[in-house]
Amino acid sequence: TFRVRPGLVTGFLGPNGAGKTTTLRLILGLN
């Protein structure tokens, strides 16, 4: 659960395999 607000550069960090790309794909409806 989180929000990414306008007007900021929000870094999405984590080691390889932490789930970052999966999260992005879920946001974009690809998964």
Full PDB file with SEQRES, HELIX, SHEET, SSBOND, CRYST1, ORIGX, SCALE, CONECT and MASTER records, all heavy atoms in Angstrom:
SEQRES   1 A   31  THR PHE ARG VAL ARG PRO GLY LEU VAL THR GLY PHE LEU          
SEQRES   2 A   31  GLY PRO ASN GLY ALA GLY LYS THR THR THR LEU ARG LEU          
SEQRES   3 A   31  ILE LEU GLY LEU ASN                                          
HELIX    1 AA1 LYS A   20  ILE A   27  1                                   8    
CRYST1    1.000    1.000    1.000  90.00  90.00  90.00 P 1           1          
ORIGX1      1.000000  0.000000  0.000000        0.00000                         
ORIGX2      0.000000  1.000000  0.000000        0.00000                         
ORIGX3      0.000000  0.000000  1.000000        0.00000                         
SCALE1      1.000000  0.000000  0.000000        0.00000                         
SCALE2      0.000000  1.000000  0.000000        0.00000                         
SCALE3      0.000000  0.000000  1.000000        0.00000                         
ATOM      1  N   THR A   1       0.858  -1.184   0.000  1.00  0.00           N  
ATOM      2  CA  THR A   1       0.000   0.000   0.000  1.00  0.00           C  
ATOM      3  C   THR A   1       0.895   1.235   0.000  1.00  0.00           C  
ATOM      4  O   THR A   1       1.729   1.396   0.889  1.00  0.00           O  
ATOM      5  CB  THR A   1      -0.921   0.035   1.232  1.00  0.00           C  
ATOM      6  OG1 THR A   1      -1.831  -1.084   1.180  1.00  0.00           O  
ATOM      7  CG2 THR A   1      -1.742   1.325   1.264  1.00  0.00           C  
ATOM      8  N   PHE A   2       0.750   2.078  -1.020  1.00  0.00           N  
ATOM      9  CA  PHE A   2       1.498   3.336  -1.072  1.00  0.00           C  
ATOM     10  C   PHE A   2       0.886   4.236  -2.137  1.00  0.00           C  
ATOM     11  O   PHE A   2       0.088   3.796  -2.966  1.00  0.00           O  
ATOM     12  CB  PHE A   2       2.989   3.108  -1.362  1.00  0.00           C  
ATOM     13  CG  PHE A   2       3.298   2.414  -2.658  1.00  0.00           C  
ATOM     14  CD1 PHE A   2       3.331   3.111  -3.863  1.00  0.00           C  
ATOM     15  CD2 PHE A   2       3.590   1.047  -2.685  1.00  0.00           C  
ATOM     16  CE1 PHE A   2       3.623   2.479  -5.064  1.00  0.00           C  
ATOM     17  CE2 PHE A   2       3.889   0.407  -3.880  1.00  0.00           C  
ATOM     18  CZ  PHE A   2       3.912   1.122  -5.068  1.00  0.00           C  
ATOM     19  N   ARG A   3       1.275   5.516  -2.105  1.00  0.00           N  
ATOM     20  CA  ARG A   3       0.895   6.486  -3.126  1.00  0.00           C  
ATOM     21  C   ARG A   3       2.154   7.106  -3.718  1.00  0.00           C  
ATOM     22  O   ARG A   3       3.125   7.330  -2.999  1.00  0.00           O  
ATOM     23  CB  ARG A   3       0.026   7.596  -2.532  1.00  0.00           C  
ATOM     24  CG  ARG A   3      -1.374   7.181  -2.139  1.00  0.00           C  
ATOM     25  CD  ARG A   3      -2.148   8.384  -1.634  1.00  0.00           C  
ATOM     26  NE  ARG A   3      -3.531   8.034  -1.314  1.00  0.00           N  
ATOM     27  CZ  ARG A   3      -4.440   8.895  -0.897  1.00  0.00           C  
ATOM     28  NH1 ARG A   3      -4.103  10.183  -0.764  1.00  0.00           N  
ATOM     29  NH2 ARG A   3      -5.665   8.506  -0.634  1.00  0.00           N  
ATOM     30  N   VAL A   4       2.097   7.388  -4.998  1.00  0.00           N  
ATOM     31  CA  VAL A   4       3.166   8.123  -5.671  1.00  0.00           C  
ATOM     32  C   VAL A   4       2.562   9.450  -6.108  1.00  0.00           C  
ATOM     33  O   VAL A   4       1.679   9.487  -6.962  1.00  0.00           O  
ATOM     34  CB  VAL A   4       3.719   7.351  -6.884  1.00  0.00           C  
ATOM     35  CG1 VAL A   4       4.904   8.098  -7.474  1.00  0.00           C  
ATOM     36  CG2 VAL A   4       4.125   5.936  -6.484  1.00  0.00           C  
ATOM     37  N   ARG A   5       3.026  10.518  -5.489  1.00  0.00           N  
ATOM     38  CA  ARG A   5       2.403  11.827  -5.678  1.00  0.00           C  
ATOM     39  C   ARG A   5       3.042  12.614  -6.829  1.00  0.00           C  
ATOM     40  O   ARG A   5       4.222  12.443  -7.118  1.00  0.00           O  
ATOM     41  CB  ARG A   5       2.504  12.639  -4.384  1.00  0.00           C  
ATOM     42  CG  ARG A   5       1.686  12.064  -3.242  1.00  0.00           C  
ATOM     43  CD  ARG A   5       1.872  12.881  -1.977  1.00  0.00           C  
ATOM     44  NE  ARG A   5       3.229  12.727  -1.443  1.00  0.00           N  
ATOM     45  CZ  ARG A   5       3.938  13.718  -0.906  1.00  0.00           C  
ATOM     46  NH1 ARG A   5       3.449  14.945  -0.853  1.00  0.00           N  
ATOM     47  NH2 ARG A   5       5.140  13.490  -0.429  1.00  0.00           N  
ATOM     48  N   PRO A   6       2.268  13.498  -7.445  1.00  0.00           N  
ATOM     49  CA  PRO A   6       2.818  14.346  -8.513  1.00  0.00           C  
ATOM     50  C   PRO A   6       3.761  15.397  -7.946  1.00  0.00           C  
ATOM     51  O   PRO A   6       3.709  15.738  -6.757  1.00  0.00           O  
ATOM     52  CB  PRO A   6       1.575  14.998  -9.120  1.00  0.00           C  
ATOM     53  CG  PRO A   6       0.540  14.943  -8.044  1.00  0.00           C  
ATOM     54  CD  PRO A   6       0.823  13.703  -7.257  1.00  0.00           C  
ATOM     55  N   GLY A   7       4.637  15.902  -8.822  1.00  0.00           N  
ATOM     56  CA  GLY A   7       5.541  16.978  -8.443  1.00  0.00           C  
ATOM     57  C   GLY A   7       6.817  16.523  -7.773  1.00  0.00           C  
ATOM     58  O   GLY A   7       7.635  17.359  -7.374  1.00  0.00           O  
ATOM     59  N   LEU A   8       7.020  15.216  -7.655  1.00  0.00           N  
ATOM     60  CA  LEU A   8       8.209  14.652  -7.020  1.00  0.00           C  
ATOM     61  C   LEU A   8       8.797  13.561  -7.905  1.00  0.00           C  
ATOM     62  O   LEU A   8       8.079  12.919  -8.671  1.00  0.00           O  
ATOM     63  CB  LEU A   8       7.876  14.024  -5.658  1.00  0.00           C  
ATOM     64  CG  LEU A   8       7.236  14.899  -4.591  1.00  0.00           C  
ATOM     65  CD1 LEU A   8       6.815  14.029  -3.408  1.00  0.00           C  
ATOM     66  CD2 LEU A   8       8.200  15.977  -4.133  1.00  0.00           C  
ATOM     67  N   VAL A   9      10.106  13.343  -7.787  1.00  0.00           N  
ATOM     68  CA  VAL A   9      10.706  12.122  -8.325  1.00  0.00           C  
ATOM     69  C   VAL A   9      10.708  11.107  -7.192  1.00  0.00           C  
ATOM     70  O   VAL A   9      11.372  11.302  -6.173  1.00  0.00           O  
ATOM     71  CB  VAL A   9      12.141  12.359  -8.825  1.00  0.00           C  
ATOM     72  CG1 VAL A   9      12.748  11.041  -9.308  1.00  0.00           C  
ATOM     73  CG2 VAL A   9      12.171  13.393  -9.940  1.00  0.00           C  
ATOM     74  N   THR A  10       9.931  10.056  -7.347  1.00  0.00           N  
ATOM     75  CA  THR A  10       9.846   9.010  -6.329  1.00  0.00           C  
ATOM     76  C   THR A  10      10.687   7.826  -6.774  1.00  0.00           C  
ATOM     77  O   THR A  10      10.419   7.223  -7.814  1.00  0.00           O  
ATOM     78  CB  THR A  10       8.396   8.572  -6.098  1.00  0.00           C  
ATOM     79  OG1 THR A  10       7.629   9.702  -5.648  1.00  0.00           O  
ATOM     80  CG2 THR A  10       8.326   7.475  -5.048  1.00  0.00           C  
ATOM     81  N   GLY A  11      11.707   7.501  -5.988  1.00  0.00           N  
ATOM     82  CA  GLY A  11      12.548   6.350  -6.268  1.00  0.00           C  
ATOM     83  C   GLY A  11      11.915   5.084  -5.722  1.00  0.00           C  
ATOM     84  O   GLY A  11      11.411   5.069  -4.593  1.00  0.00           O  
ATOM     85  N   PHE A  12      11.931   4.032  -6.520  1.00  0.00           N  
ATOM     86  CA  PHE A  12      11.365   2.731  -6.141  1.00  0.00           C  
ATOM     87  C   PHE A  12      12.540   1.773  -6.026  1.00  0.00           C  
ATOM     88  O   PHE A  12      13.071   1.302  -7.021  1.00  0.00           O  
ATOM     89  CB  PHE A  12      10.378   2.285  -7.210  1.00  0.00           C  
ATOM     90  CG  PHE A  12       9.521   1.113  -6.832  1.00  0.00           C  
ATOM     91  CD1 PHE A  12       9.108   0.905  -5.538  1.00  0.00           C  
ATOM     92  CD2 PHE A  12       9.091   0.226  -7.812  1.00  0.00           C  
ATOM     93  CE1 PHE A  12       8.287  -0.165  -5.208  1.00  0.00           C  
ATOM     94  CE2 PHE A  12       8.281  -0.842  -7.505  1.00  0.00           C  
ATOM     95  CZ  PHE A  12       7.872  -1.040  -6.194  1.00  0.00           C  
ATOM     96  N   LEU A  13      12.958   1.520  -4.795  1.00  0.00           N  
ATOM     97  CA  LEU A  13      14.218   0.827  -4.546  1.00  0.00           C  
ATOM     98  C   LEU A  13      14.030  -0.561  -3.966  1.00  0.00           C  
ATOM     99  O   LEU A  13      13.057  -0.835  -3.266  1.00  0.00           O  
ATOM    100  CB  LEU A  13      15.075   1.654  -3.573  1.00  0.00           C  
ATOM    101  CG  LEU A  13      15.728   2.904  -4.146  1.00  0.00           C  
ATOM    102  CD1 LEU A  13      16.190   3.806  -3.018  1.00  0.00           C  
ATOM    103  CD2 LEU A  13      16.897   2.520  -5.022  1.00  0.00           C  
ATOM    104  N   GLY A  14      15.016  -1.395  -4.226  1.00  0.00           N  
ATOM    105  CA  GLY A  14      15.045  -2.730  -3.658  1.00  0.00           C  
ATOM    106  C   GLY A  14      16.072  -3.560  -4.387  1.00  0.00           C  
ATOM    107  O   GLY A  14      16.414  -3.262  -5.545  1.00  0.00           O  
ATOM    108  N   PRO A  15      16.587  -4.602  -3.754  1.00  0.00           N  
ATOM    109  CA  PRO A  15      17.549  -5.474  -4.437  1.00  0.00           C  
ATOM    110  C   PRO A  15      16.901  -6.156  -5.634  1.00  0.00           C  
ATOM    111  O   PRO A  15      15.677  -6.198  -5.759  1.00  0.00           O  
ATOM    112  CB  PRO A  15      17.919  -6.516  -3.358  1.00  0.00           C  
ATOM    113  CG  PRO A  15      17.374  -5.991  -2.080  1.00  0.00           C  
ATOM    114  CD  PRO A  15      16.270  -5.062  -2.397  1.00  0.00           C  
ATOM    115  N   ASN A  16      17.705  -6.685  -6.527  1.00  0.00           N  
ATOM    116  CA  ASN A  16      17.167  -7.480  -7.628  1.00  0.00           C  
ATOM    117  C   ASN A  16      16.311  -8.609  -7.060  1.00  0.00           C  
ATOM    118  O   ASN A  16      16.709  -9.296  -6.120  1.00  0.00           O  
ATOM    119  CB  ASN A  16      18.304  -8.065  -8.467  1.00  0.00           C  
ATOM    120  CG  ASN A  16      19.027  -7.000  -9.280  1.00  0.00           C  
ATOM    121  OD1 ASN A  16      18.433  -6.011  -9.686  1.00  0.00           O  
ATOM    122  ND2 ASN A  16      20.315  -7.199  -9.515  1.00  0.00           N  
ATOM    123  N   GLY A  17      15.121  -8.790  -7.622  1.00  0.00           N  
ATOM    124  CA  GLY A  17      14.219  -9.829  -7.140  1.00  0.00           C  
ATOM    125  C   GLY A  17      13.298  -9.387  -6.019  1.00  0.00           C  
ATOM    126  O   GLY A  17      12.535 -10.202  -5.488  1.00  0.00           O  
ATOM    127  N   ALA A  18      13.325  -8.099  -5.682  1.00  0.00           N  
ATOM    128  CA  ALA A  18      12.502  -7.619  -4.561  1.00  0.00           C  
ATOM    129  C   ALA A  18      11.034  -7.449  -4.946  1.00  0.00           C  
ATOM    130  O   ALA A  18      10.187  -7.285  -4.066  1.00  0.00           O  
ATOM    131  CB  ALA A  18      13.053  -6.288  -4.045  1.00  0.00           C  
ATOM    132  N   GLY A  19      10.714  -7.460  -6.241  1.00  0.00           N  
ATOM    133  CA  GLY A  19       9.332  -7.312  -6.676  1.00  0.00           C  
ATOM    134  C   GLY A  19       9.020  -5.992  -7.351  1.00  0.00           C  
ATOM    135  O   GLY A  19       7.851  -5.686  -7.614  1.00  0.00           O  
ATOM    136  N   LYS A  20      10.043  -5.213  -7.682  1.00  0.00           N  
ATOM    137  CA  LYS A  20       9.804  -3.886  -8.262  1.00  0.00           C  
ATOM    138  C   LYS A  20       9.149  -3.979  -9.639  1.00  0.00           C  
ATOM    139  O   LYS A  20       8.153  -3.309  -9.906  1.00  0.00           O  
ATOM    140  CB  LYS A  20      11.124  -3.111  -8.352  1.00  0.00           C  
ATOM    141  CG  LYS A  20      11.855  -2.932  -7.040  1.00  0.00           C  
ATOM    142  CD  LYS A  20      13.078  -2.047  -7.172  1.00  0.00           C  
ATOM    143  CE  LYS A  20      14.106  -2.556  -8.170  1.00  0.00           C  
ATOM    144  NZ  LYS A  20      14.670  -3.881  -7.792  1.00  0.00           N  
ATOM    145  N   THR A  21       9.724  -4.785 -10.523  1.00  0.00           N  
ATOM    146  CA  THR A  21       9.177  -4.882 -11.877  1.00  0.00           C  
ATOM    147  C   THR A  21       7.780  -5.476 -11.856  1.00  0.00           C  
ATOM    148  O   THR A  21       6.888  -5.023 -12.594  1.00  0.00           O  
ATOM    149  CB  THR A  21      10.108  -5.717 -12.773  1.00  0.00           C  
ATOM    150  OG1 THR A  21      11.376  -5.065 -12.871  1.00  0.00           O  
ATOM    151  CG2 THR A  21       9.519  -5.880 -14.174  1.00  0.00           C  
ATOM    152  N   THR A  22       7.550  -6.473 -11.023  1.00  0.00           N  
ATOM    153  CA  THR A  22       6.202  -7.047 -10.902  1.00  0.00           C  
ATOM    154  C   THR A  22       5.205  -5.983 -10.478  1.00  0.00           C  
ATOM    155  O   THR A  22       4.097  -5.894 -11.015  1.00  0.00           O  
ATOM    156  CB  THR A  22       6.195  -8.203  -9.889  1.00  0.00           C  
ATOM    157  OG1 THR A  22       7.045  -9.251 -10.353  1.00  0.00           O  
ATOM    158  CG2 THR A  22       4.792  -8.761  -9.704  1.00  0.00           C  
ATOM    159  N   THR A  23       5.592  -5.140  -9.532  1.00  0.00           N  
ATOM    160  CA  THR A  23       4.704  -4.070  -9.075  1.00  0.00           C  
ATOM    161  C   THR A  23       4.385  -3.107 -10.211  1.00  0.00           C  
ATOM    162  O   THR A  23       3.222  -2.712 -10.406  1.00  0.00           O  
ATOM    163  CB  THR A  23       5.333  -3.307  -7.906  1.00  0.00           C  
ATOM    164  OG1 THR A  23       5.609  -4.221  -6.832  1.00  0.00           O  
ATOM    165  CG2 THR A  23       4.403  -2.217  -7.395  1.00  0.00           C  
ATOM    166  N   LEU A  24       5.394  -2.720 -10.984  1.00  0.00           N  
ATOM    167  CA  LEU A  24       5.163  -1.820 -12.114  1.00  0.00           C  
ATOM    168  C   LEU A  24       4.223  -2.451 -13.137  1.00  0.00           C  
ATOM    169  O   LEU A  24       3.336  -1.785 -13.686  1.00  0.00           O  
ATOM    170  CB  LEU A  24       6.483  -1.438 -12.770  1.00  0.00           C  
ATOM    171  CG  LEU A  24       7.467  -0.631 -11.913  1.00  0.00           C  
ATOM    172  CD1 LEU A  24       8.748  -0.349 -12.698  1.00  0.00           C  
ATOM    173  CD2 LEU A  24       6.853   0.673 -11.432  1.00  0.00           C  
ATOM    174  N   ARG A  25       4.394  -3.730 -13.393  1.00  0.00           N  
ATOM    175  CA  ARG A  25       3.530  -4.431 -14.348  1.00  0.00           C  
ATOM    176  C   ARG A  25       2.097  -4.514 -13.835  1.00  0.00           C  
ATOM    177  O   ARG A  25       1.143  -4.426 -14.622  1.00  0.00           O  
ATOM    178  CB  ARG A  25       4.081  -5.828 -14.644  1.00  0.00           C  
ATOM    179  CG  ARG A  25       5.382  -5.812 -15.457  1.00  0.00           C  
ATOM    180  CD  ARG A  25       5.865  -7.225 -15.750  1.00  0.00           C  
ATOM    181  NE  ARG A  25       4.909  -7.958 -16.563  1.00  0.00           N  
ATOM    182  CZ  ARG A  25       4.833  -7.908 -17.881  1.00  0.00           C  
ATOM    183  NH1 ARG A  25       5.671  -7.114 -18.563  1.00  0.00           N  
ATOM    184  NH2 ARG A  25       3.927  -8.609 -18.542  1.00  0.00           N  
ATOM    185  N   LEU A  26       1.929  -4.651 -12.537  1.00  0.00           N  
ATOM    186  CA  LEU A  26       0.588  -4.665 -11.952  1.00  0.00           C  
ATOM    187  C   LEU A  26      -0.064  -3.293 -12.073  1.00  0.00           C  
ATOM    188  O   LEU A  26      -1.258  -3.184 -12.367  1.00  0.00           O  
ATOM    189  CB  LEU A  26       0.660  -5.094 -10.484  1.00  0.00           C  
ATOM    190  CG  LEU A  26       1.029  -6.558 -10.230  1.00  0.00           C  
ATOM    191  CD1 LEU A  26       1.369  -6.764  -8.759  1.00  0.00           C  
ATOM    192  CD2 LEU A  26      -0.115  -7.484 -10.642  1.00  0.00           C  
ATOM    193  N   ILE A  27       0.695  -2.233 -11.851  1.00  0.00           N  
ATOM    194  CA  ILE A  27       0.162  -0.875 -11.980  1.00  0.00           C  
ATOM    195  C   ILE A  27      -0.323  -0.631 -13.404  1.00  0.00           C  
ATOM    196  O   ILE A  27      -1.372  -0.012 -13.628  1.00  0.00           O  
ATOM    197  CB  ILE A  27       1.226   0.159 -11.586  1.00  0.00           C  
ATOM    198  CG1 ILE A  27       1.520   0.078 -10.068  1.00  0.00           C  
ATOM    199  CG2 ILE A  27       0.790   1.573 -11.963  1.00  0.00           C  
ATOM    200  CD1 ILE A  27       2.734   0.885  -9.637  1.00  0.00           C  
ATOM    201  N   LEU A  28       0.422  -1.150 -14.376  1.00  0.00           N  
ATOM    202  CA  LEU A  28       0.105  -0.923 -15.787  1.00  0.00           C  
ATOM    203  C   LEU A  28      -0.865  -1.948 -16.367  1.00  0.00           C  
ATOM    204  O   LEU A  28      -1.174  -1.911 -17.562  1.00  0.00           O  
ATOM    205  CB  LEU A  28       1.390  -0.922 -16.610  1.00  0.00           C  
ATOM    206  CG  LEU A  28       2.341   0.244 -16.331  1.00  0.00           C  
ATOM    207  CD1 LEU A  28       3.702  -0.013 -16.944  1.00  0.00           C  
ATOM    208  CD2 LEU A  28       1.754   1.559 -16.843  1.00  0.00           C  
ATOM    209  N   GLY A  29      -1.346  -2.864 -15.537  1.00  0.00           N  
ATOM    210  CA  GLY A  29      -2.317  -3.845 -15.993  1.00  0.00           C  
ATOM    211  C   GLY A  29      -1.745  -4.945 -16.854  1.00  0.00           C  
ATOM    212  O   GLY A  29      -2.490  -5.673 -17.525  1.00  0.00           O  
ATOM    213  N   LEU A  30      -0.422  -5.095 -16.851  1.00  0.00           N  
ATOM    214  CA  LEU A  30       0.211  -6.150 -17.645  1.00  0.00           C  
ATOM    215  C   LEU A  30       0.178  -7.491 -16.929  1.00  0.00           C  
ATOM    216  O   LEU A  30       0.313  -8.544 -17.564  1.00  0.00           O  
ATOM    217  CB  LEU A  30       1.658  -5.761 -17.966  1.00  0.00           C  
ATOM    218  CG  LEU A  30       1.806  -4.485 -18.788  1.00  0.00           C  
ATOM    219  CD1 LEU A  30       3.272  -4.097 -18.908  1.00  0.00           C  
ATOM    220  CD2 LEU A  30       1.175  -4.649 -20.160  1.00  0.00           C  
ATOM    221  N   ASN A  31       0.022  -7.477 -15.629  1.00  0.00           N  
ATOM    222  CA  ASN A  31      -0.238  -8.670 -14.825  1.00  0.00           C  
ATOM    223  C   ASN A  31      -1.502  -8.406 -14.009  1.00  0.00           C  
ATOM    224  O   ASN A  31      -1.835  -7.250 -13.701  1.00  0.00           O  
ATOM    225  CB  ASN A  31       0.916  -8.990 -13.873  1.00  0.00           C  
ATOM    226  CG  ASN A  31       2.155  -9.496 -14.597  1.00  0.00           C  
ATOM    227  OD1 ASN A  31       3.235  -8.948 -14.457  1.00  0.00           O  
ATOM    228  ND2 ASN A  31       2.006 -10.556 -15.389  1.00  0.00           N  
TER     229      ASN A  31                                                      
MASTER        0    0    0    1    0    0    0    6  228    1    0    3          
END                                                                             
